[in-house]
């Protein structure tokens, strides 16, 4: 009796070791890589079946995109805007926006 234990498995190959800025997190942790598919026998890759396209992959956040697309994105997400300070109209103390009454003077906001 003969059993064939094998299949096609992906293998990540690093094309360039130079770290680049990641468009998602903004750190210099992205490298140019390619995902190739190999025919494997007993989980040992034997020979390549299909070559993948180059990708810019970040080791830190896991971001992956073609290098041309990565250049067009902003270097990192924009920081959220700080909400305007919310003040009590009678005592002028800074309050949280969820307050219905001022804890300092007791008036309705």
Protein backbone atom coordinates (compact mmCIF):
# COMPACT_ATOMS: atom_id res chain seq x y z
CA UNK A 1 0.00 0.00 0.00
CA UNK A 2 1.30 3.50 -0.88
CA UNK A 3 0.32 6.77 0.78
CA UNK A 4 1.27 10.12 -0.69
CA UNK A 5 1.47 12.73 2.03
CA UNK A 6 2.15 16.02 0.38
CA UNK A 7 0.65 19.06 -1.19
CA UNK A 8 1.32 22.66 -2.06
CA UNK A 9 2.42 25.00 0.70
CA UNK A 10 3.32 28.70 0.74
CA UNK A 11 6.80 29.86 1.67
CA UNK A 12 7.74 33.51 2.28
CA UNK A 13 11.00 34.58 0.68
CA UNK A 14 12.67 37.88 1.63
CA UNK A 15 13.81 39.76 -1.48
CA UNK A 16 15.40 42.77 0.21
CA UNK A 17 16.62 42.95 3.82
CA UNK A 18 16.63 46.76 3.85
CA UNK A 19 13.93 47.94 6.30
CA UNK A 20 11.42 50.40 4.86
CA UNK A 21 8.75 52.57 6.44
CA UNK A 22 5.46 50.73 6.88
CA UNK A 23 2.51 52.70 5.46
CA UNK A 24 0.21 51.39 8.20
CA UNK A 25 2.19 51.79 11.45
CA UNK A 26 4.92 54.22 10.35
CA UNK A 27 7.84 52.13 11.72
CA UNK A 28 10.83 50.94 9.69
CA UNK A 29 9.81 47.29 9.98
CA UNK A 30 8.57 46.60 6.42
CA UNK A 31 10.61 44.49 4.00
CA UNK A 32 10.16 43.48 0.38
CA UNK A 33 9.03 39.84 0.32
CA UNK A 34 7.42 37.33 -2.02
CA UNK A 35 5.15 34.36 -1.29
CA UNK A 36 6.12 31.34 -3.40
CA UNK A 37 4.19 28.07 -3.52
CA UNK A 38 6.13 24.81 -3.32
CA UNK A 39 5.19 21.20 -3.92
CA UNK A 40 6.02 19.43 -0.69
CA UNK A 41 6.38 15.81 0.30
CA UNK A 42 6.05 14.96 3.99
CA UNK A 43 6.02 18.72 4.72
CA UNK A 44 9.42 19.22 3.05
CA UNK A 45 9.32 21.74 0.16
CA UNK A 46 10.74 20.07 -2.95
CA UNK A 47 10.44 22.51 -5.86
CA UNK A 48 8.60 25.76 -6.64
CA UNK A 49 5.26 25.54 -8.40
CA UNK A 50 4.28 29.22 -8.55
CA UNK A 51 6.19 32.45 -7.90
CA UNK A 52 4.29 35.21 -6.17
CA UNK A 53 4.39 38.95 -6.77
CA UNK A 54 6.61 41.16 -4.59
CA UNK A 55 4.89 42.56 -1.50
CA UNK A 56 5.85 45.11 1.11
CA UNK A 57 5.24 43.21 4.37
CA UNK A 58 5.57 44.69 7.85
CA UNK A 59 7.04 42.42 10.52
CA UNK A 60 5.43 44.45 13.31
CA UNK A 61 1.78 45.03 12.29
CA UNK A 62 1.37 42.45 9.49
CA UNK A 63 0.53 44.99 6.76
CA UNK A 64 1.02 43.60 3.23
CA UNK A 65 0.52 45.38 -0.10
CA UNK A 66 2.22 45.73 -3.47
CA UNK A 67 5.10 48.23 -3.29
CA UNK A 68 3.42 50.62 -5.76
CA UNK A 69 0.21 50.73 -3.71
CA UNK A 70 2.10 51.20 -0.45
CA UNK A 71 3.75 54.40 -1.70
CA UNK A 72 0.37 56.04 -2.36
CA UNK A 73 -0.96 55.52 1.19
CA UNK A 74 -0.19 57.96 4.00
CA UNK A 75 2.79 56.91 6.15
CA UNK A 76 0.62 56.28 9.23
CA UNK A 77 -2.99 56.81 10.30
CA UNK A 78 -3.87 60.33 11.27
CA UNK A 79 -4.25 60.96 14.99
CA UNK A 80 -7.86 61.54 16.04
CA UNK A 81 -8.77 65.12 16.69
CA UNK A 82 -9.06 66.13 20.33
CA UNK A 83 -12.61 67.02 21.27
CA UNK A 84 -13.28 70.61 22.22
CA UNK A 85 -13.29 71.28 25.94
CA UNK A 86 -16.76 71.23 27.41
CA UNK A 87 -17.36 73.86 30.12
CA UNK A 88 -20.15 74.63 32.54
CA UNK A 89 -21.98 77.83 31.44
CA UNK A 90 -22.36 79.14 35.01
CA UNK A 91 -19.06 78.29 36.81
CA UNK A 92 -16.83 77.80 33.72
CA UNK A 93 -15.26 74.54 35.02
CA UNK A 94 -14.12 71.89 32.51
CA UNK A 95 -16.58 68.98 32.31
CA UNK A 96 -16.89 65.76 30.41
CA UNK A 97 -19.36 65.93 27.50
CA UNK A 98 -21.50 63.14 28.99
CA UNK A 99 -22.39 65.14 32.13
CA UNK A 100 -25.98 66.41 32.35
CA UNK A 101 -25.33 68.38 35.56
CA UNK A 102 -22.21 70.23 36.71
CA UNK A 103 -20.58 68.41 39.68
CA UNK A 104 -19.12 71.70 40.94
CA UNK A 105 -22.15 74.02 41.02
CA UNK A 106 -25.03 71.55 40.50
CA UNK A 107 -26.62 73.40 37.59
CA UNK A 108 -28.02 71.65 34.52
CA UNK A 109 -25.65 71.83 31.56
